[in-house]
Structure formats: structure tokens, C-alpha cells
Amino acid sequence: MQLSKITRRNYTNILRFGSKDEALQHRYGDMSVENWIACCELFSQPSYQVHHTGGSRPFVCHRKKLQDPDGGTPTAADLYSKTHHKRNGEGWVSDVARDNYEKMVDIQSQSSIESRAPKDVDIFTQVLGKRSGYVRGLGRSVKPSAASSSTLSIQRDPELLRELEAVTPRTLAQRG
């Protein structure tokens, strides 16, 4: 069975119970006690429990639906807002969702001041975290950027970049 199906099965089984303690008492199938405890711990973390109103449709489809007829794509914050607001207009689905949205808006506003717009993938990765080959909030169809955070920080700091460029020839001369 695929890992995503197993994960979904365990998650829905844990949701049947009112609390983590109750779920711990009702282990699923032939799962080991250690694995069941790990699942209950993972699925009860507040960071894992960010609900959305997007239904079963992938976020990429929501993004396409939000596009302007002129071809303009919505920002990361717009997409997140659309999929994490209650449908009846009463606000956010959770406080965590609101906080994540505010972080996305802050990143976008800081980057507009620096006149360097980050990609939506980078914003989602920075705010929501990342896994190998998967961007949370955008799914598997979008890959995380390959640059590491240390590479990005060097690129953003021109003074540090100049120092590194000056040190490199000296180091090579000393070795040669």
C-alpha cells in the first residue's frame, strides 16, 4: 500500500477519537505500539492540524481557478487566503492558518521593499516547511527550490559575497 494511503488511513482513524489519549488506547490493526504512539504524536501536533476549505481538489487547481482572465497568477498569500477562509465568510479556519497568512504577507511586503520578489514556492516553503519533493500547500506537482538557505543568505548579502570572492583567490594561491 502506498505511504500516502497508509498515512491517510491512520490519520482518519485517529480523528475518530476525541483526544490523543483516547486514540492511543485504540491502536489500529496490526500496527506496532511504538508506531501507533508516533502516529498519534504526529497527528496531534498543532502544526499538522491546519484545516482548509479546499476540499479534495488539489491546490494547483484552486490556483488555476483564481487566475485572472489576463493570465495573472495569484500570489501565495492570495491562494492561502482563499483555501483557508471559512466558506460562510466568518474568518479563518484556525488561528494557525491566520498566522501563516500573516507571515506570507510579511515576506511578500519585505521582498517588495527589497525589490526582489520571491517565488511562491519559496514563500510556502519558508512559512509551512518542506519535505523532499513536496511543497506543503502546493503538493507534489511543484518542487521546492534546490538552493539551500545558506546559499540564499549569501546571495542576499552582497558584502558577504564580495568577501568570499576576495578570500577564494588567496586561498587558492596559498594551496598552489
N, C-alpha and C. Protein backbone atom coordinates (compact mmCIF):
# COMPACT_ATOMS: atom_id res chain seq x y z
N MET A 1 0.85 -1.18 0.00
CA MET A 1 0.00 0.00 0.00
C MET A 1 0.89 1.24 0.00
N GLN A 2 0.49 2.27 -0.72
CA GLN A 2 1.29 3.49 -0.79
C GLN A 2 1.33 4.17 0.57
N LEU A 3 2.46 4.85 0.80
CA LEU A 3 2.65 5.53 2.08
C LEU A 3 1.56 6.57 2.32
N SER A 4 1.17 7.32 1.27
CA SER A 4 0.15 8.35 1.45
C SER A 4 -1.19 7.74 1.87
N LYS A 5 -1.52 6.55 1.33
CA LYS A 5 -2.77 5.90 1.71
C LYS A 5 -2.71 5.40 3.15
N ILE A 6 -1.56 4.87 3.54
CA ILE A 6 -1.38 4.40 4.92
C ILE A 6 -1.48 5.57 5.88
N THR A 7 -0.82 6.67 5.54
CA THR A 7 -0.85 7.87 6.38
C THR A 7 -2.28 8.38 6.51
N ARG A 8 -2.99 8.46 5.39
CA ARG A 8 -4.37 8.94 5.41
C ARG A 8 -5.26 8.02 6.25
N ARG A 9 -5.06 6.71 6.11
CA ARG A 9 -5.85 5.74 6.87
C ARG A 9 -5.62 5.92 8.36
N ASN A 10 -4.37 6.07 8.76
CA ASN A 10 -4.05 6.26 10.18
C ASN A 10 -4.61 7.58 10.70
N TYR A 11 -4.50 8.62 9.88
CA TYR A 11 -4.98 9.94 10.29
C TYR A 11 -6.50 9.91 10.50
N THR A 12 -7.24 9.33 9.56
CA THR A 12 -8.69 9.28 9.71
C THR A 12 -9.09 8.40 10.89
N ASN A 13 -8.34 7.36 11.16
CA ASN A 13 -8.64 6.52 12.32
C ASN A 13 -8.43 7.29 13.62
N ILE A 14 -7.38 8.07 13.70
CA ILE A 14 -7.11 8.86 14.91
C ILE A 14 -8.16 9.95 15.09
N LEU A 15 -8.65 10.52 13.98
CA LEU A 15 -9.66 11.58 14.06
C LEU A 15 -10.98 11.09 14.67
N ARG A 16 -11.24 9.81 14.60
CA ARG A 16 -12.49 9.27 15.13
C ARG A 16 -12.61 9.49 16.63
N PHE A 17 -11.49 9.65 17.29
CA PHE A 17 -11.48 9.77 18.74
C PHE A 17 -11.38 11.23 19.14
N GLY A 18 -11.94 11.55 20.30
CA GLY A 18 -12.00 12.92 20.74
C GLY A 18 -10.67 13.52 21.17
N SER A 19 -9.75 12.67 21.63
CA SER A 19 -8.48 13.19 22.12
C SER A 19 -7.35 12.23 21.76
N LYS A 20 -6.14 12.71 21.93
CA LYS A 20 -4.97 11.87 21.66
C LYS A 20 -4.92 10.69 22.62
N ASP A 21 -5.26 10.93 23.89
CA ASP A 21 -5.22 9.85 24.88
C ASP A 21 -6.19 8.73 24.52
N GLU A 22 -7.37 9.11 24.05
CA GLU A 22 -8.35 8.10 23.65
C GLU A 22 -7.87 7.34 22.41
N ALA A 23 -7.26 8.05 21.48
CA ALA A 23 -6.74 7.40 20.27
C ALA A 23 -5.61 6.43 20.61
N LEU A 24 -4.78 6.78 21.60
CA LEU A 24 -3.69 5.90 22.00
C LEU A 24 -4.20 4.56 22.52
N GLN A 25 -5.38 4.56 23.11
CA GLN A 25 -5.95 3.33 23.66
C GLN A 25 -6.54 2.41 22.59
N HIS A 26 -6.77 2.94 21.40
CA HIS A 26 -7.42 2.17 20.33
C HIS A 26 -6.48 2.05 19.13
N ARG A 27 -5.49 1.21 19.27
CA ARG A 27 -4.50 1.02 18.22
C ARG A 27 -5.16 0.45 16.97
N TYR A 28 -4.67 0.89 15.82
CA TYR A 28 -5.25 0.46 14.54
C TYR A 28 -4.60 -0.83 14.05
N GLY A 29 -5.41 -1.81 13.74
CA GLY A 29 -4.97 -3.04 13.09
C GLY A 29 -3.75 -3.69 13.70
N ASP A 30 -2.82 -4.07 12.84
CA ASP A 30 -1.62 -4.79 13.28
C ASP A 30 -0.42 -3.86 13.47
N MET A 31 -0.69 -2.59 13.67
CA MET A 31 0.38 -1.62 13.83
C MET A 31 1.07 -1.81 15.19
N SER A 32 2.39 -1.66 15.22
CA SER A 32 3.11 -1.81 16.49
C SER A 32 2.78 -0.65 17.42
N VAL A 33 2.94 -0.89 18.71
CA VAL A 33 2.63 0.13 19.71
C VAL A 33 3.48 1.37 19.50
N GLU A 34 4.78 1.18 19.22
CA GLU A 34 5.69 2.31 19.02
C GLU A 34 5.25 3.17 17.83
N ASN A 35 4.89 2.51 16.72
CA ASN A 35 4.45 3.25 15.54
C ASN A 35 3.13 3.96 15.78
N TRP A 36 2.22 3.33 16.52
CA TRP A 36 0.94 3.95 16.80
C TRP A 36 1.12 5.19 17.68
N ILE A 37 2.00 5.11 18.67
CA ILE A 37 2.28 6.27 19.52
C ILE A 37 2.88 7.39 18.68
N ALA A 38 3.80 7.04 17.78
CA ALA A 38 4.42 8.05 16.91
C ALA A 38 3.38 8.71 16.02
N CYS A 39 2.44 7.93 15.48
CA CYS A 39 1.38 8.50 14.63
C CYS A 39 0.50 9.44 15.44
N CYS A 40 0.10 9.02 16.62
CA CYS A 40 -0.75 9.86 17.46
C CYS A 40 -0.04 11.16 17.83
N GLU A 41 1.25 11.08 18.13
CA GLU A 41 2.03 12.28 18.44
C GLU A 41 2.08 13.22 17.24
N LEU A 42 2.36 12.67 16.08
CA LEU A 42 2.48 13.48 14.86
C LEU A 42 1.17 14.17 14.53
N PHE A 43 0.08 13.39 14.51
CA PHE A 43 -1.20 13.94 14.07
C PHE A 43 -1.84 14.84 15.10
N SER A 44 -1.37 14.85 16.34
CA SER A 44 -1.94 15.73 17.35
C SER A 44 -1.19 17.05 17.48
N GLN A 45 -0.10 17.21 16.74
CA GLN A 45 0.65 18.47 16.78
C GLN A 45 -0.18 19.58 16.13
N PRO A 46 -0.20 20.77 16.73
CA PRO A 46 -0.96 21.88 16.14
C PRO A 46 -0.49 22.23 14.72
N SER A 47 0.80 22.09 14.45
CA SER A 47 1.30 22.44 13.12
C SER A 47 0.77 21.48 12.05
N TYR A 48 0.38 20.27 12.44
CA TYR A 48 -0.14 19.29 11.49
C TYR A 48 -1.63 19.51 11.24
N GLN A 49 -2.30 20.18 12.16
CA GLN A 49 -3.75 20.29 12.11
C GLN A 49 -4.23 21.61 11.54
N VAL A 50 -3.67 22.04 10.44
CA VAL A 50 -4.15 23.24 9.77
C VAL A 50 -5.19 22.78 8.75
N HIS A 51 -6.44 23.04 9.05
CA HIS A 51 -7.52 22.63 8.16
C HIS A 51 -7.65 23.63 7.02
N HIS A 52 -8.29 23.21 5.94
CA HIS A 52 -8.51 24.10 4.81
C HIS A 52 -9.90 23.86 4.25
N THR A 53 -10.34 24.75 3.39
CA THR A 53 -11.66 24.65 2.79
C THR A 53 -11.58 24.29 1.32
N GLY A 54 -10.46 23.75 0.91
CA GLY A 54 -10.25 23.43 -0.50
C GLY A 54 -10.87 22.12 -0.95
N GLY A 55 -11.35 21.33 -0.02
CA GLY A 55 -11.93 20.04 -0.39
C GLY A 55 -10.88 19.08 -0.90
N SER A 56 -11.29 18.18 -1.78
CA SER A 56 -10.35 17.19 -2.30
C SER A 56 -9.62 17.68 -3.54
N ARG A 57 -10.00 18.84 -4.02
CA ARG A 57 -9.35 19.40 -5.21
C ARG A 57 -7.94 19.87 -4.84
N PRO A 58 -6.94 19.53 -5.63
CA PRO A 58 -5.57 19.98 -5.33
C PRO A 58 -5.46 21.51 -5.37
N PHE A 59 -4.51 22.03 -4.60
CA PHE A 59 -4.34 23.48 -4.55
C PHE A 59 -3.93 24.06 -5.89
N VAL A 60 -3.29 23.25 -6.72
CA VAL A 60 -2.91 23.71 -8.05
C VAL A 60 -4.17 24.04 -8.85
N CYS A 61 -5.23 23.26 -8.69
CA CYS A 61 -6.50 23.55 -9.38
C CYS A 61 -7.12 24.83 -8.85
N HIS A 62 -7.06 25.04 -7.54
CA HIS A 62 -7.58 26.29 -6.96
C HIS A 62 -6.79 27.48 -7.51
N ARG A 63 -5.50 27.30 -7.65
CA ARG A 63 -4.66 28.37 -8.17
C ARG A 63 -5.06 28.73 -9.59
N LYS A 64 -5.30 27.72 -10.43
CA LYS A 64 -5.73 27.97 -11.81
C LYS A 64 -7.07 28.68 -11.84
N LYS A 65 -7.95 28.27 -10.95
CA LYS A 65 -9.29 28.87 -10.89
C LYS A 65 -9.23 30.34 -10.48
N LEU A 66 -8.24 30.70 -9.66
CA LEU A 66 -8.09 32.08 -9.19
C LEU A 66 -7.38 32.99 -10.19
N GLN A 67 -6.83 32.43 -11.26
CA GLN A 67 -6.09 33.24 -12.23
C GLN A 67 -7.01 34.26 -12.89
N ASP A 68 -6.43 35.43 -13.16
CA ASP A 68 -7.15 36.46 -13.88
C ASP A 68 -7.33 36.03 -15.33
N PRO A 69 -8.37 36.54 -15.99
CA PRO A 69 -8.51 36.22 -17.42
C PRO A 69 -7.32 36.74 -18.23
N ASP A 70 -6.63 37.76 -17.71
CA ASP A 70 -5.47 38.31 -18.41
C ASP A 70 -4.25 37.41 -18.26
N GLY A 71 -4.34 36.40 -17.42
CA GLY A 71 -3.23 35.47 -17.24
C GLY A 71 -2.42 35.69 -15.99
N GLY A 72 -2.81 36.64 -15.14
CA GLY A 72 -2.08 36.91 -13.91
C GLY A 72 -2.33 35.82 -12.87
N THR A 73 -1.26 35.29 -12.31
CA THR A 73 -1.42 34.25 -11.30
C THR A 73 -1.55 34.88 -9.92
N PRO A 74 -2.35 34.27 -9.04
CA PRO A 74 -2.50 34.81 -7.69
C PRO A 74 -1.22 34.60 -6.88
N THR A 75 -1.01 35.46 -5.91
CA THR A 75 0.16 35.31 -5.05
C THR A 75 -0.05 34.14 -4.10
N ALA A 76 1.02 33.75 -3.43
CA ALA A 76 0.95 32.66 -2.46
C ALA A 76 -0.04 33.00 -1.35
N ALA A 77 0.00 34.25 -0.90
CA ALA A 77 -0.90 34.67 0.18
C ALA A 77 -2.36 34.65 -0.27
N ASP A 78 -2.62 35.05 -1.52
CA ASP A 78 -3.99 35.02 -2.04
C ASP A 78 -4.53 33.59 -2.09
N LEU A 79 -3.72 32.68 -2.59
CA LEU A 79 -4.13 31.28 -2.67
C LEU A 79 -4.39 30.72 -1.28
N TYR A 80 -3.50 31.00 -0.35
CA TYR A 80 -3.65 30.50 1.02
C TYR A 80 -4.91 31.08 1.66
N SER A 81 -5.15 32.37 1.43
CA SER A 81 -6.34 33.01 1.98
C SER A 81 -7.61 32.37 1.44
N LYS A 82 -7.65 32.12 0.15
CA LYS A 82 -8.82 31.53 -0.49
C LYS A 82 -9.12 30.13 0.05
N THR A 83 -8.09 29.36 0.31
CA THR A 83 -8.28 27.97 0.72
C THR A 83 -8.33 27.78 2.24
N HIS A 84 -8.14 28.86 3.00
CA HIS A 84 -8.15 28.73 4.46
C HIS A 84 -9.12 29.68 5.16
N HIS A 85 -10.01 30.32 4.39
CA HIS A 85 -11.10 31.11 4.95
C HIS A 85 -12.35 30.24 5.00
N LYS A 86 -13.16 30.43 6.02
CA LYS A 86 -14.42 29.69 6.09
C LYS A 86 -15.32 30.12 4.94
N ARG A 87 -16.05 29.20 4.41
CA ARG A 87 -16.90 29.49 3.24
C ARG A 87 -18.02 30.47 3.56
N ASN A 88 -18.49 30.48 4.80
CA ASN A 88 -19.57 31.39 5.16
C ASN A 88 -19.06 32.80 5.46
N GLY A 89 -17.77 33.02 5.30
CA GLY A 89 -17.20 34.36 5.46
C GLY A 89 -16.94 34.77 6.90
N GLU A 90 -16.95 33.84 7.82
CA GLU A 90 -16.76 34.17 9.24
C GLU A 90 -15.31 34.25 9.67
N GLY A 91 -14.37 34.21 8.76
CA GLY A 91 -12.97 34.33 9.14
C GLY A 91 -12.17 33.10 8.79
N TRP A 92 -11.06 32.94 9.49
CA TRP A 92 -10.11 31.86 9.21
C TRP A 92 -10.58 30.55 9.81
N VAL A 93 -10.10 29.43 9.24
CA VAL A 93 -10.46 28.12 9.77
C VAL A 93 -9.76 27.85 11.10
N SER A 94 -8.63 28.51 11.34
CA SER A 94 -7.92 28.35 12.61
C SER A 94 -6.98 29.54 12.81
N ASP A 95 -6.51 29.69 14.04
CA ASP A 95 -5.55 30.75 14.34
C ASP A 95 -4.21 30.49 13.65
N VAL A 96 -3.84 29.22 13.53
CA VAL A 96 -2.59 28.86 12.86
C VAL A 96 -2.64 29.29 11.39
N ALA A 97 -3.79 29.09 10.75
CA ALA A 97 -3.95 29.49 9.34
C ALA A 97 -3.81 31.00 9.20
N ARG A 98 -4.40 31.75 10.12
CA ARG A 98 -4.29 33.21 10.07
C ARG A 98 -2.84 33.65 10.26
N ASP A 99 -2.14 33.03 11.21
CA ASP A 99 -0.74 33.37 11.46
C ASP A 99 0.13 33.06 10.24
N ASN A 100 -0.12 31.92 9.61
CA ASN A 100 0.63 31.56 8.40
C ASN A 100 0.40 32.58 7.29
N TYR A 101 -0.85 33.02 7.13
CA TYR A 101 -1.16 34.02 6.11
C TYR A 101 -0.43 35.33 6.40
N GLU A 102 -0.43 35.75 7.66
CA GLU A 102 0.25 36.99 8.02
C GLU A 102 1.75 36.91 7.75
N LYS A 103 2.34 35.74 8.01
CA LYS A 103 3.76 35.55 7.70
C LYS A 103 4.01 35.66 6.20
N MET A 104 3.12 35.08 5.39
CA MET A 104 3.27 35.16 3.93
C MET A 104 3.19 36.60 3.45
N VAL A 105 2.24 37.35 3.99
CA VAL A 105 2.09 38.76 3.60
C VAL A 105 3.33 39.54 4.01
N ASP A 106 3.88 39.28 5.19
CA ASP A 106 5.10 39.95 5.65
C ASP A 106 6.26 39.67 4.71
N ILE A 107 6.42 38.42 4.32
CA ILE A 107 7.52 38.06 3.41
C ILE A 107 7.35 38.76 2.08
N GLN A 108 6.12 38.80 1.56
CA GLN A 108 5.88 39.47 0.29
C GLN A 108 6.13 40.97 0.39
N SER A 109 5.73 41.59 1.50
CA SER A 109 5.94 43.03 1.64
C SER A 109 7.42 43.36 1.83
N GLN A 110 8.16 42.52 2.56
CA GLN A 110 9.61 42.73 2.73
C GLN A 110 10.32 42.59 1.40
N SER A 111 9.90 41.63 0.61
CA SER A 111 10.58 41.42 -0.67
C SER A 111 10.25 42.53 -1.65
N SER A 112 9.07 43.15 -1.54
CA SER A 112 8.76 44.26 -2.43
C SER A 112 9.59 45.48 -2.07
N ILE A 113 9.93 45.62 -0.78
CA ILE A 113 10.81 46.71 -0.35
C ILE A 113 12.21 46.49 -0.90
N GLU A 114 12.66 45.23 -0.87
CA GLU A 114 13.99 44.89 -1.38
C GLU A 114 14.00 44.78 -2.90
N SER A 115 12.85 44.95 -3.53
CA SER A 115 12.66 44.86 -4.99
C SER A 115 13.13 43.53 -5.56
N ARG A 116 12.96 42.48 -4.80
CA ARG A 116 13.26 41.13 -5.28
C ARG A 116 12.12 40.23 -4.84
N ALA A 117 11.25 39.89 -5.76
CA ALA A 117 10.08 39.10 -5.42
C ALA A 117 10.44 37.61 -5.33
N PRO A 118 10.22 37.00 -4.17
CA PRO A 118 10.49 35.56 -4.07
C PRO A 118 9.41 34.76 -4.79
N LYS A 119 9.75 33.57 -5.20
CA LYS A 119 8.77 32.71 -5.83
C LYS A 119 7.77 32.24 -4.78
N ASP A 120 6.56 31.93 -5.24
CA ASP A 120 5.54 31.43 -4.32
C ASP A 120 6.00 30.15 -3.64
N VAL A 121 6.74 29.33 -4.37
CA VAL A 121 7.26 28.09 -3.81
C VAL A 121 8.14 28.40 -2.60
N ASP A 122 8.99 29.42 -2.73
CA ASP A 122 9.87 29.79 -1.62
C ASP A 122 9.09 30.31 -0.42
N ILE A 123 8.02 31.06 -0.68
CA ILE A 123 7.20 31.59 0.41
C ILE A 123 6.51 30.45 1.15
N PHE A 124 5.88 29.54 0.39
CA PHE A 124 5.22 28.40 1.02
C PHE A 124 6.22 27.56 1.81
N THR A 125 7.40 27.34 1.24
CA THR A 125 8.41 26.54 1.91
C THR A 125 8.88 27.21 3.19
N GLN A 126 9.08 28.51 3.14
CA GLN A 126 9.58 29.24 4.30
C GLN A 126 8.55 29.26 5.43
N VAL A 127 7.28 29.42 5.10
CA VAL A 127 6.25 29.54 6.13
C VAL A 127 5.75 28.17 6.60
N LEU A 128 5.51 27.26 5.67
CA LEU A 128 4.86 25.99 6.00
C LEU A 128 5.83 24.83 6.18
N GLY A 129 7.07 25.02 5.78
CA GLY A 129 8.04 23.92 5.88
C GLY A 129 8.10 23.13 4.59
N LYS A 130 9.04 22.17 4.55
CA LYS A 130 9.19 21.39 3.32
C LYS A 130 9.55 19.96 3.65
N ARG A 131 9.28 19.12 2.67
CA ARG A 131 9.70 17.73 2.69
C ARG A 131 10.32 17.46 1.33
N SER A 132 11.04 16.40 1.22
CA SER A 132 11.70 16.07 -0.03
C SER A 132 10.68 15.88 -1.15
N GLY A 133 10.80 16.68 -2.20
CA GLY A 133 9.93 16.55 -3.36
C GLY A 133 8.51 17.01 -3.16
N TYR A 134 8.25 17.80 -2.13
CA TYR A 134 6.87 18.17 -1.80
C TYR A 134 6.87 19.56 -1.18
N VAL A 135 5.98 20.41 -1.63
CA VAL A 135 5.81 21.73 -1.03
C VAL A 135 4.46 21.74 -0.35
N ARG A 136 4.46 21.90 0.96
CA ARG A 136 3.21 21.89 1.71
C ARG A 136 2.35 23.06 1.26
N GLY A 137 1.11 22.78 0.91
CA GLY A 137 0.21 23.80 0.41
C GLY A 137 0.14 23.84 -1.10
N LEU A 138 1.14 23.29 -1.77
CA LEU A 138 1.14 23.26 -3.23
C LEU A 138 1.19 21.84 -3.77
N GLY A 139 1.57 20.88 -2.94
CA GLY A 139 1.55 19.48 -3.35
C GLY A 139 2.81 19.01 -4.03
N ARG A 140 2.70 17.86 -4.68
CA ARG A 140 3.85 17.23 -5.33
C ARG A 140 4.10 17.77 -6.73
N SER A 141 3.15 18.49 -7.29
CA SER A 141 3.33 18.97 -8.66
C SER A 141 4.35 20.11 -8.73
N VAL A 142 4.64 20.72 -7.58
CA VAL A 142 5.62 21.80 -7.52
C VAL A 142 6.77 21.34 -6.65
N LYS A 143 7.97 21.45 -7.16
CA LYS A 143 9.15 21.00 -6.41
C LYS A 143 9.76 22.18 -5.65
N PRO A 144 10.28 21.94 -4.45
CA PRO A 144 10.96 23.01 -3.72
C PRO A 144 12.20 23.45 -4.47
N SER A 145 12.55 24.72 -4.30
CA SER A 145 13.75 25.21 -4.98
C SER A 145 14.97 24.49 -4.43
N ALA A 146 15.94 24.28 -5.30
CA ALA A 146 17.11 23.48 -4.93
C ALA A 146 18.09 24.23 -4.05
N ALA A 147 18.04 25.55 -4.06
CA ALA A 147 19.01 26.34 -3.30
C ALA A 147 18.78 26.17 -1.81
N SER A 148 19.85 26.00 -1.10
CA SER A 148 19.75 25.88 0.35
C SER A 148 19.63 27.26 0.97
N SER A 149 19.25 27.30 2.22
CA SER A 149 19.08 28.59 2.89
C SER A 149 20.41 29.31 3.03
N SER A 150 21.51 28.57 3.20
CA SER A 150 22.80 29.24 3.32
C SER A 150 23.20 29.88 1.99
N THR A 151 22.89 29.22 0.88
CA THR A 151 23.18 29.79 -0.44
C THR A 151 22.35 31.04 -0.65
N LEU A 152 21.07 30.99 -0.27
CA LEU A 152 20.21 32.16 -0.44
C LEU A 152 20.68 33.32 0.42
N SER A 153 21.12 33.06 1.64
CA SER A 153 21.56 34.15 2.50
C SER A 153 22.84 34.78 1.96
N ILE A 154 23.71 33.99 1.34
CA ILE A 154 24.92 34.55 0.72
C ILE A 154 24.54 35.42 -0.47
N GLN A 155 23.58 34.96 -1.27
CA GLN A 155 23.17 35.74 -2.43
C GLN A 155 22.51 37.05 -2.01
N ARG A 156 21.83 37.07 -0.89
CA ARG A 156 21.14 38.28 -0.46
C ARG A 156 22.07 39.29 0.20
N ASP A 157 23.23 38.85 0.64
CA ASP A 157 24.16 39.73 1.33
C ASP A 157 25.35 40.01 0.41
N PRO A 158 25.31 41.13 -0.34
CA PRO A 158 26.38 41.41 -1.31
C PRO A 158 27.75 41.60 -0.65
N GLU A 159 27.78 42.16 0.56
CA GLU A 159 29.06 42.37 1.23
C GLU A 159 29.73 41.02 1.55
N LEU A 160 28.95 40.09 2.04
CA LEU A 160 29.47 38.75 2.32
C LEU A 160 29.95 38.07 1.04
N LEU A 161 29.22 38.27 -0.03
CA LEU A 161 29.61 37.68 -1.31
C LEU A 161 30.95 38.25 -1.78
N ARG A 162 31.15 39.57 -1.63
CA ARG A 162 32.42 40.19 -2.03
C ARG A 162 33.58 39.65 -1.19
N GLU A 163 33.35 39.48 0.12
CA GLU A 163 34.39 38.93 0.98
C GLU A 163 34.77 37.51 0.56
N LEU A 164 33.77 36.71 0.25
CA LEU A 164 34.03 35.34 -0.19
C LEU A 164 34.81 35.31 -1.50
N GLU A 165 34.46 36.21 -2.42
CA GLU A 165 35.16 36.26 -3.70
C GLU A 165 36.62 36.69 -3.51
N ALA A 166 36.87 37.57 -2.52
CA ALA A 166 38.24 38.02 -2.26
C ALA A 166 39.06 36.94 -1.58
N VAL A 167 38.44 36.17 -0.70
CA VAL A 167 39.15 35.14 0.04
C VAL A 167 39.50 33.95 -0.85
N THR A 168 38.65 33.62 -1.77
CA THR A 168 38.86 32.43 -2.61
C THR A 168 40.16 32.47 -3.40
N PRO A 169 40.52 33.56 -4.12
CA PRO A 169 41.80 33.56 -4.84
C PRO A 169 43.01 33.44 -3.91
N ARG A 170 42.94 34.09 -2.73
CA ARG A 170 44.05 33.99 -1.78
C ARG A 170 44.22 32.55 -1.30
N THR A 171 43.12 31.90 -1.02
CA THR A 171 43.17 30.51 -0.56
C THR A 171 43.75 29.60 -1.63
N LEU A 172 43.35 29.82 -2.87
CA LEU A 172 43.87 29.01 -3.97
C LEU A 172 45.37 29.25 -4.17
N ALA A 173 45.81 30.51 -4.01
CA ALA A 173 47.23 30.84 -4.18
C ALA A 173 48.06 30.19 -3.07
N GLN A 174 47.53 30.15 -1.85
CA GLN A 174 48.26 29.54 -0.74
C GLN A 174 48.38 28.03 -0.92
N ARG A 175 47.37 27.41 -1.48
CA ARG A 175 47.39 25.96 -1.69
C ARG A 175 48.29 25.57 -2.85
N GLY A 176 48.36 26.44 -3.87
CA GLY A 176 49.08 26.09 -5.10
C GLY A 176 50.51 26.38 -5.01
